Amino acid sequence: DLDGDGLANDLCVTDPRIDQVVVTPVPGARSGRYAPFALDPRPLPM
């Protein structure tokens, strides 16, 4: 539960195809709560 709605309906996906860490809602009836996005490490050095 990343958005505090009381359900374990959020995913943190590490995807080597794009080398990004993505936060995305579980698919289904309430998947439109927010748009999937990649975590941004800036301003940390990379």
ModelCIF file with pLDDT and N, C-alpha, C, O atoms, coordinates in Angstrom:
data_MODEL
#
_entry.id   MODEL 
#
_entity.id                         1 
_entity.type                       polymer 
_entity.pdbx_number_of_molecules   1 
#
_entity_poly.entity_id                      1 
_entity_poly.type                           'polypeptide(L)' 
_entity_poly.nstd_linkage                   no 
_entity_poly.nstd_monomer                   no 
_entity_poly.pdbx_seq_one_letter_code       DLDGDGLANDLCVTDPRIDQVVVTPVPGARSGRYAPFALDPRPLPM 
_entity_poly.pdbx_seq_one_letter_code_can   DLDGDGLANDLCVTDPRIDQVVVTPVPGARSGRYAPFALDPRPLPM 
_entity_poly.pdbx_strand_id                 A 
#
loop_
_entity_poly_seq.entity_id 
_entity_poly_seq.num 
_entity_poly_seq.mon_id 
_entity_poly_seq.hetero 
1 1  ASP n 
1 2  LEU n 
1 3  ASP n 
1 4  GLY n 
1 5  ASP n 
1 6  GLY n 
1 7  LEU n 
1 8  ALA n 
1 9  ASN n 
1 10 ASP n 
1 11 LEU n 
1 12 CYS n 
1 13 VAL n 
1 14 THR n 
1 15 ASP n 
1 16 PRO n 
1 17 ARG n 
1 18 ILE n 
1 19 ASP n 
1 20 GLN n 
1 21 VAL n 
1 22 VAL n 
1 23 VAL n 
1 24 THR n 
1 25 PRO n 
1 26 VAL n 
1 27 PRO n 
1 28 GLY n 
1 29 ALA n 
1 30 ARG n 
1 31 SER n 
1 32 GLY n 
1 33 ARG n 
1 34 TYR n 
1 35 ALA n 
1 36 PRO n 
1 37 PHE n 
1 38 ALA n 
1 39 LEU n 
1 40 ASP n 
1 41 PRO n 
1 42 ARG n 
1 43 PRO n 
1 44 LEU n 
1 45 PRO n 
1 46 MET n 
#
_struct_asym.id          A 
_struct_asym.entity_id   1 
#
loop_
_ma_qa_metric.id 
_ma_qa_metric.mode 
_ma_qa_metric.name 
_ma_qa_metric.software_group_id 
_ma_qa_metric.type 
1 global pLDDT . pLDDT 
2 local  pLDDT . pLDDT 
#
_ma_qa_metric_global.metric_id      1 
_ma_qa_metric_global.metric_value   95.72 
_ma_qa_metric_global.model_id       1 
_ma_qa_metric_global.ordinal_id     1 
#
loop_
_ma_qa_metric_local.label_asym_id 
_ma_qa_metric_local.label_comp_id 
_ma_qa_metric_local.label_seq_id 
_ma_qa_metric_local.metric_id 
_ma_qa_metric_local.metric_value 
_ma_qa_metric_local.model_id 
_ma_qa_metric_local.ordinal_id 
A ASP 1  2 97.00 1 1  
A LEU 2  2 97.00 1 2  
A ASP 3  2 95.00 1 3  
A GLY 4  2 94.00 1 4  
A ASP 5  2 94.00 1 5  
A GLY 6  2 95.00 1 6  
A LEU 7  2 97.00 1 7  
A ALA 8  2 97.00 1 8  
A ASN 9  2 97.00 1 9  
A ASP 10 2 98.00 1 10 
A LEU 11 2 98.00 1 11 
A CYS 12 2 98.00 1 12 
A VAL 13 2 98.00 1 13 
A THR 14 2 98.00 1 14 
A ASP 15 2 98.00 1 15 
A PRO 16 2 98.00 1 16 
A ARG 17 2 98.00 1 17 
A ILE 18 2 98.00 1 18 
A ASP 19 2 97.00 1 19 
A GLN 20 2 98.00 1 20 
A VAL 21 2 98.00 1 21 
A VAL 22 2 98.00 1 22 
A VAL 23 2 98.00 1 23 
A THR 24 2 98.00 1 24 
A PRO 25 2 97.00 1 25 
A VAL 26 2 98.00 1 26 
A PRO 27 2 97.00 1 27 
A GLY 28 2 92.00 1 28 
A ALA 29 2 80.00 1 29 
A ARG 30 2 86.00 1 30 
A SER 31 2 89.00 1 31 
A GLY 32 2 90.00 1 32 
A ARG 33 2 93.00 1 33 
A TYR 34 2 96.00 1 34 
A ALA 35 2 96.00 1 35 
A PRO 36 2 97.00 1 36 
A PHE 37 2 98.00 1 37 
A ALA 38 2 98.00 1 38 
A LEU 39 2 98.00 1 39 
A ASP 40 2 97.00 1 40 
A PRO 41 2 96.00 1 41 
A ARG 42 2 94.00 1 42 
A PRO 43 2 94.00 1 43 
A LEU 44 2 96.00 1 44 
A PRO 45 2 95.00 1 45 
A MET 46 2 94.00 1 46 
#
loop_
_atom_site.group_PDB 
_atom_site.id 
_atom_site.type_symbol 
_atom_site.label_atom_id 
_atom_site.label_alt_id 
_atom_site.label_comp_id 
_atom_site.label_asym_id 
_atom_site.label_entity_id 
_atom_site.label_seq_id 
_atom_site.pdbx_PDB_ins_code 
_atom_site.Cartn_x 
_atom_site.Cartn_y 
_atom_site.Cartn_z 
_atom_site.occupancy 
_atom_site.B_iso_or_equiv 
_atom_site.pdbx_formal_charge 
_atom_site.auth_seq_id 
_atom_site.auth_comp_id 
_atom_site.auth_asym_id 
_atom_site.auth_atom_id 
_atom_site.pdbx_PDB_model_num 
ATOM 1   N N  . ASP A 1 1  ? 0.864   -1.182 0.000   1.00 97.00 ? 1  ASP A N  1 
ATOM 2   C CA . ASP A 1 1  ? 0.000   0.000  0.000   1.00 97.00 ? 1  ASP A CA 1 
ATOM 3   C C  . ASP A 1 1  ? 0.896   1.226  0.000   1.00 97.00 ? 1  ASP A C  1 
ATOM 4   O O  . ASP A 1 1  ? 1.391   1.637  1.050   1.00 97.00 ? 1  ASP A O  1 
ATOM 5   N N  . LEU A 1 2  ? 1.107   1.811  -1.171  1.00 97.00 ? 2  LEU A N  1 
ATOM 6   C CA . LEU A 1 2  ? 1.979   2.971  -1.294  1.00 97.00 ? 2  LEU A CA 1 
ATOM 7   C C  . LEU A 1 2  ? 1.224   4.287  -1.228  1.00 97.00 ? 2  LEU A C  1 
ATOM 8   O O  . LEU A 1 2  ? 1.809   5.312  -0.879  1.00 97.00 ? 2  LEU A O  1 
ATOM 9   N N  . ASP A 1 3  ? -0.081  4.281  -1.561  1.00 95.00 ? 3  ASP A N  1 
ATOM 10  C CA . ASP A 1 3  ? -0.827  5.543  -1.601  1.00 95.00 ? 3  ASP A CA 1 
ATOM 11  C C  . ASP A 1 3  ? -1.744  5.723  -0.401  1.00 95.00 ? 3  ASP A C  1 
ATOM 12  O O  . ASP A 1 3  ? -2.495  6.697  -0.345  1.00 95.00 ? 3  ASP A O  1 
ATOM 13  N N  . GLY A 1 4  ? -1.700  4.815  0.552   1.00 94.00 ? 4  GLY A N  1 
ATOM 14  C CA . GLY A 1 4  ? -2.451  5.008  1.789   1.00 94.00 ? 4  GLY A CA 1 
ATOM 15  C C  . GLY A 1 4  ? -3.937  4.806  1.672   1.00 94.00 ? 4  GLY A C  1 
ATOM 16  O O  . GLY A 1 4  ? -4.689  5.388  2.454   1.00 94.00 ? 4  GLY A O  1 
ATOM 17  N N  . ASP A 1 5  ? -4.405  3.991  0.712   1.00 94.00 ? 5  ASP A N  1 
ATOM 18  C CA . ASP A 1 5  ? -5.844  3.769  0.600   1.00 94.00 ? 5  ASP A CA 1 
ATOM 19  C C  . ASP A 1 5  ? -6.293  2.521  1.348   1.00 94.00 ? 5  ASP A C  1 
ATOM 20  O O  . ASP A 1 5  ? -7.456  2.126  1.258   1.00 94.00 ? 5  ASP A O  1 
ATOM 21  N N  . GLY A 1 6  ? -5.374  1.896  2.091   1.00 95.00 ? 6  GLY A N  1 
ATOM 22  C CA . GLY A 1 6  ? -5.726  0.751  2.913   1.00 95.00 ? 6  GLY A CA 1 
ATOM 23  C C  . GLY A 1 6  ? -5.669  -0.574 2.200   1.00 95.00 ? 6  GLY A C  1 
ATOM 24  O O  . GLY A 1 6  ? -6.058  -1.588 2.781   1.00 95.00 ? 6  GLY A O  1 
ATOM 25  N N  . LEU A 1 7  ? -5.203  -0.617 0.969   1.00 97.00 ? 7  LEU A N  1 
ATOM 26  C CA . LEU A 1 7  ? -5.128  -1.855 0.209   1.00 97.00 ? 7  LEU A CA 1 
ATOM 27  C C  . LEU A 1 7  ? -3.724  -2.041 -0.370  1.00 97.00 ? 7  LEU A C  1 
ATOM 28  O O  . LEU A 1 7  ? -3.054  -1.072 -0.728  1.00 97.00 ? 7  LEU A O  1 
ATOM 29  N N  . ALA A 1 8  ? -3.296  -3.286 -0.455  1.00 97.00 ? 8  ALA A N  1 
ATOM 30  C CA . ALA A 1 8  ? -1.996  -3.590 -1.061  1.00 97.00 ? 8  ALA A CA 1 
ATOM 31  C C  . ALA A 1 8  ? -2.151  -3.644 -2.574  1.00 97.00 ? 8  ALA A C  1 
ATOM 32  O O  . ALA A 1 8  ? -1.937  -4.683 -3.199  1.00 97.00 ? 8  ALA A O  1 
ATOM 33  N N  . ASN A 1 9  ? -2.525  -2.511 -3.149  1.00 97.00 ? 9  ASN A N  1 
ATOM 34  C CA . ASN A 1 9  ? -2.860  -2.458 -4.573  1.00 97.00 ? 9  ASN A CA 1 
ATOM 35  C C  . ASN A 1 9  ? -1.915  -1.566 -5.371  1.00 97.00 ? 9  ASN A C  1 
ATOM 36  O O  . ASN A 1 9  ? -2.295  -0.978 -6.385  1.00 97.00 ? 9  ASN A O  1 
ATOM 37  N N  . ASP A 1 10 ? -0.671  -1.477 -4.890  1.00 98.00 ? 10 ASP A N  1 
ATOM 38  C CA . ASP A 1 10 ? 0.356   -0.719 -5.597  1.00 98.00 ? 10 ASP A CA 1 
ATOM 39  C C  . ASP A 1 10 ? 1.559   -1.627 -5.822  1.00 98.00 ? 10 ASP A C  1 
ATOM 40  O O  . ASP A 1 10 ? 1.888   -2.461 -4.978  1.00 98.00 ? 10 ASP A O  1 
ATOM 41  N N  . LEU A 1 11 ? 2.207   -1.454 -6.964  1.00 98.00 ? 11 LEU A N  1 
ATOM 42  C CA . LEU A 1 11 ? 3.353   -2.272 -7.334  1.00 98.00 ? 11 LEU A CA 1 
ATOM 43  C C  . LEU A 1 11 ? 4.582   -1.403 -7.533  1.00 98.00 ? 11 LEU A C  1 
ATOM 44  O O  . LEU A 1 11 ? 4.489   -0.275 -8.018  1.00 98.00 ? 11 LEU A O  1 
ATOM 45  N N  . CYS A 1 12 ? 5.726   -1.936 -7.155  1.00 98.00 ? 12 CYS A N  1 
ATOM 46  C CA . CYS A 1 12 ? 7.016   -1.322 -7.469  1.00 98.00 ? 12 CYS A CA 1 
ATOM 47  C C  . CYS A 1 12 ? 7.751   -2.329 -8.344  1.00 98.00 ? 12 CYS A C  1 
ATOM 48  O O  . CYS A 1 12 ? 8.184   -3.376 -7.863  1.00 98.00 ? 12 CYS A O  1 
ATOM 49  N N  . VAL A 1 13 ? 7.891   -2.012 -9.625  1.00 98.00 ? 13 VAL A N  1 
ATOM 50  C CA . VAL A 1 13 ? 8.408   -2.941 -10.627 1.00 98.00 ? 13 VAL A CA 1 
ATOM 51  C C  . VAL A 1 13 ? 9.801   -2.494 -11.062 1.00 98.00 ? 13 VAL A C  1 
ATOM 52  O O  . VAL A 1 13 ? 9.995   -1.348 -11.467 1.00 98.00 ? 13 VAL A O  1 
ATOM 53  N N  . THR A 1 14 ? 10.762  -3.402 -10.977 1.00 98.00 ? 14 THR A N  1 
ATOM 54  C CA . THR A 1 14 ? 12.096  -3.157 -11.521 1.00 98.00 ? 14 THR A CA 1 
ATOM 55  C C  . THR A 1 14 ? 12.168  -3.839 -12.882 1.00 98.00 ? 14 THR A C  1 
ATOM 56  O O  . THR A 1 14 ? 12.114  -5.066 -12.962 1.00 98.00 ? 14 THR A O  1 
ATOM 57  N N  . ASP A 1 15 ? 12.289  -3.063 -13.945 1.00 98.00 ? 15 ASP A N  1 
ATOM 58  C CA . ASP A 1 15 ? 12.160  -3.584 -15.297 1.00 98.00 ? 15 ASP A CA 1 
ATOM 59  C C  . ASP A 1 15 ? 13.469  -3.409 -16.063 1.00 98.00 ? 15 ASP A C  1 
ATOM 60  O O  . ASP A 1 15 ? 13.813  -2.283 -16.424 1.00 98.00 ? 15 ASP A O  1 
ATOM 61  N N  . PRO A 1 16 ? 14.218  -4.503 -16.323 1.00 98.00 ? 16 PRO A N  1 
ATOM 62  C CA . PRO A 1 16 ? 15.502  -4.365 -17.031 1.00 98.00 ? 16 PRO A CA 1 
ATOM 63  C C  . PRO A 1 16 ? 15.352  -3.921 -18.475 1.00 98.00 ? 16 PRO A C  1 
ATOM 64  O O  . PRO A 1 16 ? 16.321  -3.456 -19.074 1.00 98.00 ? 16 PRO A O  1 
ATOM 65  N N  . ARG A 1 17 ? 14.157  -4.053 -19.055 1.00 98.00 ? 17 ARG A N  1 
ATOM 66  C CA . ARG A 1 17 ? 13.968  -3.615 -20.443 1.00 98.00 ? 17 ARG A CA 1 
ATOM 67  C C  . ARG A 1 17 ? 14.181  -2.116 -20.576 1.00 98.00 ? 17 ARG A C  1 
ATOM 68  O O  . ARG A 1 17 ? 14.639  -1.639 -21.614 1.00 98.00 ? 17 ARG A O  1 
ATOM 69  N N  . ILE A 1 18 ? 13.844  -1.366 -19.514 1.00 98.00 ? 18 ILE A N  1 
ATOM 70  C CA . ILE A 1 18 ? 14.017  0.084  -19.551 1.00 98.00 ? 18 ILE A CA 1 
ATOM 71  C C  . ILE A 1 18 ? 14.946  0.577  -18.448 1.00 98.00 ? 18 ILE A C  1 
ATOM 72  O O  . ILE A 1 18 ? 15.217  1.774  -18.359 1.00 98.00 ? 18 ILE A O  1 
ATOM 73  N N  . ASP A 1 19 ? 15.442  -0.344 -17.597 1.00 97.00 ? 19 ASP A N  1 
ATOM 74  C CA . ASP A 1 19 ? 16.321  -0.005 -16.472 1.00 97.00 ? 19 ASP A CA 1 
ATOM 75  C C  . ASP A 1 19 ? 15.730  1.114  -15.617 1.00 97.00 ? 19 ASP A C  1 
ATOM 76  O O  . ASP A 1 19 ? 16.421  2.062  -15.242 1.00 97.00 ? 19 ASP A O  1 
ATOM 77  N N  . GLN A 1 20 ? 14.438  0.984  -15.319 1.00 98.00 ? 20 GLN A N  1 
ATOM 78  C CA . GLN A 1 20 ? 13.744  1.944  -14.469 1.00 98.00 ? 20 GLN A CA 1 
ATOM 79  C C  . GLN A 1 20 ? 13.021  1.197  -13.352 1.00 98.00 ? 20 GLN A C  1 
ATOM 80  O O  . GLN A 1 20 ? 12.695  0.016  -13.476 1.00 98.00 ? 20 GLN A O  1 
ATOM 81  N N  . VAL A 1 21 ? 12.780  1.918  -12.259 1.00 98.00 ? 21 VAL A N  1 
ATOM 82  C CA . VAL A 1 21 ? 11.950  1.409  -11.166 1.00 98.00 ? 21 VAL A CA 1 
ATOM 83  C C  . VAL A 1 21 ? 10.615  2.122  -11.262 1.00 98.00 ? 21 VAL A C  1 
ATOM 84  O O  . VAL A 1 21 ? 10.545  3.342  -11.115 1.00 98.00 ? 21 VAL A O  1 
ATOM 85  N N  . VAL A 1 22 ? 9.555   1.364  -11.510 1.00 98.00 ? 22 VAL A N  1 
ATOM 86  C CA . VAL A 1 22 ? 8.249   1.919  -11.840 1.00 98.00 ? 22 VAL A CA 1 
ATOM 87  C C  . VAL A 1 22 ? 7.266   1.678  -10.699 1.00 98.00 ? 22 VAL A C  1 
ATOM 88  O O  . VAL A 1 22 ? 7.147   0.562  -10.194 1.00 98.00 ? 22 VAL A O  1 
ATOM 89  N N  . VAL A 1 23 ? 6.569   2.727  -10.302 1.00 98.00 ? 23 VAL A N  1 
ATOM 90  C CA . VAL A 1 23 ? 5.442   2.617  -9.375  1.00 98.00 ? 23 VAL A CA 1 
ATOM 91  C C  . VAL A 1 23 ? 4.167   2.628  -10.200 1.00 98.00 ? 23 VAL A C  1 
ATOM 92  O O  . VAL A 1 23 ? 3.955   3.540  -11.000 1.00 98.00 ? 23 VAL A O  1 
ATOM 93  N N  . THR A 1 24 ? 3.322   1.636  -10.017 1.00 98.00 ? 24 THR A N  1 
ATOM 94  C CA . THR A 1 24 ? 2.129   1.504  -10.853 1.00 98.00 ? 24 THR A CA 1 
ATOM 95  C C  . THR A 1 24 ? 1.014   0.843  -10.052 1.00 98.00 ? 24 THR A C  1 
ATOM 96  O O  . THR A 1 24 ? 1.292   -0.013 -9.212  1.00 98.00 ? 24 THR A O  1 
ATOM 97  N N  . PRO A 1 25 ? -0.237  1.215  -10.288 1.00 97.00 ? 25 PRO A N  1 
ATOM 98  C CA . PRO A 1 25 ? -1.339  0.586  -9.565  1.00 97.00 ? 25 PRO A CA 1 
ATOM 99  C C  . PRO A 1 25 ? -1.591  -0.830 -10.073 1.00 97.00 ? 25 PRO A C  1 
ATOM 100 O O  . PRO A 1 25 ? -1.341  -1.144 -11.237 1.00 97.00 ? 25 PRO A O  1 
ATOM 101 N N  . VAL A 1 26 ? -2.091  -1.676 -9.177  1.00 98.00 ? 26 VAL A N  1 
ATOM 102 C CA . VAL A 1 26 ? -2.503  -3.019 -9.576  1.00 98.00 ? 26 VAL A CA 1 
ATOM 103 C C  . VAL A 1 26 ? -3.597  -2.896 -10.628 1.00 98.00 ? 26 VAL A C  1 
ATOM 104 O O  . VAL A 1 26 ? -4.494  -2.070 -10.466 1.00 98.00 ? 26 VAL A O  1 
ATOM 105 N N  . PRO A 1 27 ? -3.561  -3.682 -11.698 1.00 97.00 ? 27 PRO A N  1 
ATOM 106 C CA . PRO A 1 27 ? -4.610  -3.589 -12.723 1.00 97.00 ? 27 PRO A CA 1 
ATOM 107 C C  . PRO A 1 27 ? -5.961  -4.035 -12.180 1.00 97.00 ? 27 PRO A C  1 
ATOM 108 O O  . PRO A 1 27 ? -6.035  -4.827 -11.240 1.00 97.00 ? 27 PRO A O  1 
ATOM 109 N N  . GLY A 1 28 ? -7.022  -3.522 -12.778 1.00 92.00 ? 28 GLY A N  1 
ATOM 110 C CA . GLY A 1 28 ? -8.367  -3.876 -12.357 1.00 92.00 ? 28 GLY A CA 1 
ATOM 111 C C  . GLY A 1 28 ? -9.248  -2.655 -12.244 1.00 92.00 ? 28 GLY A C  1 
ATOM 112 O O  . GLY A 1 28 ? -9.001  -1.627 -12.874 1.00 92.00 ? 28 GLY A O  1 
ATOM 113 N N  . ALA A 1 29 ? -10.288 -2.785 -11.422 1.00 80.00 ? 29 ALA A N  1 
ATOM 114 C CA . ALA A 1 29 ? -11.329 -1.761 -11.361 1.00 80.00 ? 29 ALA A CA 1 
ATOM 115 C C  . ALA A 1 29 ? -10.805 -0.409 -10.903 1.00 80.00 ? 29 ALA A C  1 
ATOM 116 O O  . ALA A 1 29 ? -11.345 0.620  -11.308 1.00 80.00 ? 29 ALA A O  1 
ATOM 117 N N  . ARG A 1 30 ? -9.755  -0.381 -10.059 1.00 86.00 ? 30 ARG A N  1 
ATOM 118 C CA . ARG A 1 30 ? -9.302  0.884  -9.488  1.00 86.00 ? 30 ARG A CA 1 
ATOM 119 C C  . ARG A 1 30 ? -7.910  1.256  -9.979  1.00 86.00 ? 30 ARG A C  1 
ATOM 120 O O  . ARG A 1 30 ? -7.159  1.926  -9.270  1.00 86.00 ? 30 ARG A O  1 
ATOM 121 N N  . SER A 1 31 ? -7.567  0.830  -11.177 1.00 89.00 ? 31 SER A N  1 
ATOM 122 C CA . SER A 1 31 ? -6.229  1.086  -11.692 1.00 89.00 ? 31 SER A CA 1 
ATOM 123 C C  . SER A 1 31 ? -6.011  2.528  -12.122 1.00 89.00 ? 31 SER A C  1 
ATOM 124 O O  . SER A 1 31 ? -4.877  2.916  -12.402 1.00 89.00 ? 31 SER A O  1 
ATOM 125 N N  . GLY A 1 32 ? -7.071  3.333  -12.183 1.00 90.00 ? 32 GLY A N  1 
ATOM 126 C CA . GLY A 1 32 ? -6.931  4.711  -12.621 1.00 90.00 ? 32 GLY A CA 1 
ATOM 127 C C  . GLY A 1 32 ? -6.640  5.698  -11.519 1.00 90.00 ? 32 GLY A C  1 
ATOM 128 O O  . GLY A 1 32 ? -6.783  6.903  -11.728 1.00 90.00 ? 32 GLY A O  1 
ATOM 129 N N  . ARG A 1 33 ? -6.237  5.235  -10.357 1.00 93.00 ? 33 ARG A N  1 
ATOM 130 C CA . ARG A 1 33 ? -5.977  6.153  -9.236  1.00 93.00 ? 33 ARG A CA 1 
ATOM 131 C C  . ARG A 1 33 ? -4.829  7.109  -9.531  1.00 93.00 ? 33 ARG A C  1 
ATOM 132 O O  . ARG A 1 33 ? -4.859  8.263  -9.105  1.00 93.00 ? 33 ARG A O  1 
ATOM 133 N N  . TYR A 1 34 ? -3.825  6.640  -10.251 1.00 96.00 ? 34 TYR A N  1 
ATOM 134 C CA . TYR A 1 34 ? -2.715  7.504  -10.662 1.00 96.00 ? 34 TYR A CA 1 
ATOM 135 C C  . TYR A 1 34 ? -2.053  6.843  -11.871 1.00 96.00 ? 34 TYR A C  1 
ATOM 136 O O  . TYR A 1 34 ? -2.237  5.650  -12.111 1.00 96.00 ? 34 TYR A O  1 
ATOM 137 N N  . ALA A 1 35 ? -1.307  7.600  -12.604 1.00 96.00 ? 35 ALA A N  1 
ATOM 138 C CA . ALA A 1 35 ? -0.628  7.085  -13.790 1.00 96.00 ? 35 ALA A CA 1 
ATOM 139 C C  . ALA A 1 35 ? 0.691   6.430  -13.394 1.00 96.00 ? 35 ALA A C  1 
ATOM 140 O O  . ALA A 1 35 ? 1.369   6.935  -12.499 1.00 96.00 ? 35 ALA A O  1 
ATOM 141 N N  . PRO A 1 36 ? 1.081   5.318  -14.032 1.00 97.00 ? 36 PRO A N  1 
ATOM 142 C CA . PRO A 1 36 ? 2.382   4.713  -13.743 1.00 97.00 ? 36 PRO A CA 1 
ATOM 143 C C  . PRO A 1 36 ? 3.514   5.705  -13.971 1.00 97.00 ? 36 PRO A C  1 
ATOM 144 O O  . PRO A 1 36 ? 3.472   6.498  -14.911 1.00 97.00 ? 36 PRO A O  1 
ATOM 145 N N  . PHE A 1 37 ? 4.516   5.657  -13.116 1.00 98.00 ? 37 PHE A N  1 
ATOM 146 C CA . PHE A 1 37 ? 5.652   6.573  -13.266 1.00 98.00 ? 37 PHE A CA 1 
ATOM 147 C C  . PHE A 1 37 ? 6.934   5.890  -12.796 1.00 98.00 ? 37 PHE A C  1 
ATOM 148 O O  . PHE A 1 37 ? 6.898   4.940  -12.014 1.00 98.00 ? 37 PHE A O  1 
ATOM 149 N N  . ALA A 1 38 ? 8.061   6.390  -13.285 1.00 98.00 ? 38 ALA A N  1 
ATOM 150 C CA . ALA A 1 38 ? 9.375   5.892  -12.878 1.00 98.00 ? 38 ALA A CA 1 
ATOM 151 C C  . ALA A 1 38 ? 9.943   6.795  -11.792 1.00 98.00 ? 38 ALA A C  1 
ATOM 152 O O  . ALA A 1 38 ? 9.805   8.017  -11.854 1.00 98.00 ? 38 ALA A O  1 
ATOM 153 N N  . LEU A 1 39 ? 10.581  6.189  -10.799 1.00 98.00 ? 39 LEU A N  1 
ATOM 154 C CA . LEU A 1 39 ? 11.249  6.962  -9.759  1.00 98.00 ? 39 LEU A CA 1 
ATOM 155 C C  . LEU A 1 39 ? 12.405  7.752  -10.360 1.00 98.00 ? 39 LEU A C  1 
ATOM 156 O O  . LEU A 1 39 ? 13.083  7.288  -11.276 1.00 98.00 ? 39 LEU A O  1 
ATOM 157 N N  . ASP A 1 40 ? 12.617  8.945  -9.832  1.00 97.00 ? 40 ASP A N  1 
ATOM 158 C CA . ASP A 1 40 ? 13.639  9.856  -10.360 1.00 97.00 ? 40 ASP A CA 1 
ATOM 159 C C  . ASP A 1 40 ? 14.749  10.027 -9.321  1.00 97.00 ? 40 ASP A C  1 
ATOM 160 O O  . ASP A 1 40 ? 14.503  10.595 -8.257  1.00 97.00 ? 40 ASP A O  1 
ATOM 161 N N  . PRO A 1 41 ? 15.971  9.545  -9.606  1.00 96.00 ? 41 PRO A N  1 
ATOM 162 C CA . PRO A 1 41 ? 17.050  9.649  -8.611  1.00 96.00 ? 41 PRO A CA 1 
ATOM 163 C C  . PRO A 1 41 ? 17.670  11.035 -8.500  1.00 96.00 ? 41 PRO A C  1 
ATOM 164 O O  . PRO A 1 41 ? 18.440  11.283 -7.573  1.00 96.00 ? 41 PRO A O  1 
ATOM 165 N N  . ARG A 1 42 ? 17.360  11.935 -9.408  1.00 94.00 ? 42 ARG A N  1 
ATOM 166 C CA . ARG A 1 42 ? 17.962  13.268 -9.344  1.00 94.00 ? 42 ARG A CA 1 
ATOM 167 C C  . ARG A 1 42 ? 17.553  13.990 -8.066  1.00 94.00 ? 42 ARG A C  1 
ATOM 168 O O  . ARG A 1 42 ? 16.408  13.855 -7.635  1.00 94.00 ? 42 ARG A O  1 
ATOM 169 N N  . PRO A 1 43 ? 18.454  14.754 -7.446  1.00 94.00 ? 43 PRO A N  1 
ATOM 170 C CA . PRO A 1 43 ? 19.763  15.206 -7.941  1.00 94.00 ? 43 PRO A CA 1 
ATOM 171 C C  . PRO A 1 43 ? 20.930  14.311 -7.530  1.00 94.00 ? 43 PRO A C  1 
ATOM 172 O O  . PRO A 1 43 ? 22.082  14.734 -7.633  1.00 94.00 ? 43 PRO A O  1 
ATOM 173 N N  . LEU A 1 44 ? 20.668  13.083 -7.066  1.00 96.00 ? 44 LEU A N  1 
ATOM 174 C CA . LEU A 1 44 ? 21.773  12.219 -6.677  1.00 96.00 ? 44 LEU A CA 1 
ATOM 175 C C  . LEU A 1 44 ? 22.623  11.886 -7.906  1.00 96.00 ? 44 LEU A C  1 
ATOM 176 O O  . LEU A 1 44 ? 22.100  11.773 -9.015  1.00 96.00 ? 44 LEU A O  1 
ATOM 177 N N  . PRO A 1 45 ? 23.930  11.732 -7.706  1.00 95.00 ? 45 PRO A N  1 
ATOM 178 C CA . PRO A 1 45 ? 24.818  11.456 -8.848  1.00 95.00 ? 45 PRO A CA 1 
ATOM 179 C C  . PRO A 1 45 ? 24.586  10.058 -9.407  1.00 95.00 ? 45 PRO A C  1 
ATOM 180 O O  . PRO A 1 45 ? 24.379  9.105  -8.655  1.00 95.00 ? 45 PRO A O  1 
ATOM 181 N N  . MET A 1 46 ? 24.622  9.946  -10.723 1.00 94.00 ? 46 MET A N  1 
ATOM 182 C CA . MET A 1 46 ? 24.444  8.678  -11.418 1.00 94.00 ? 46 MET A CA 1 
ATOM 183 C C  . MET A 1 46 ? 25.484  8.597  -12.535 1.00 94.00 ? 46 MET A C  1 
ATOM 184 O O  . MET A 1 46 ? 25.530  7.607  -13.266 1.00 94.00 ? 46 MET A O  1 
#
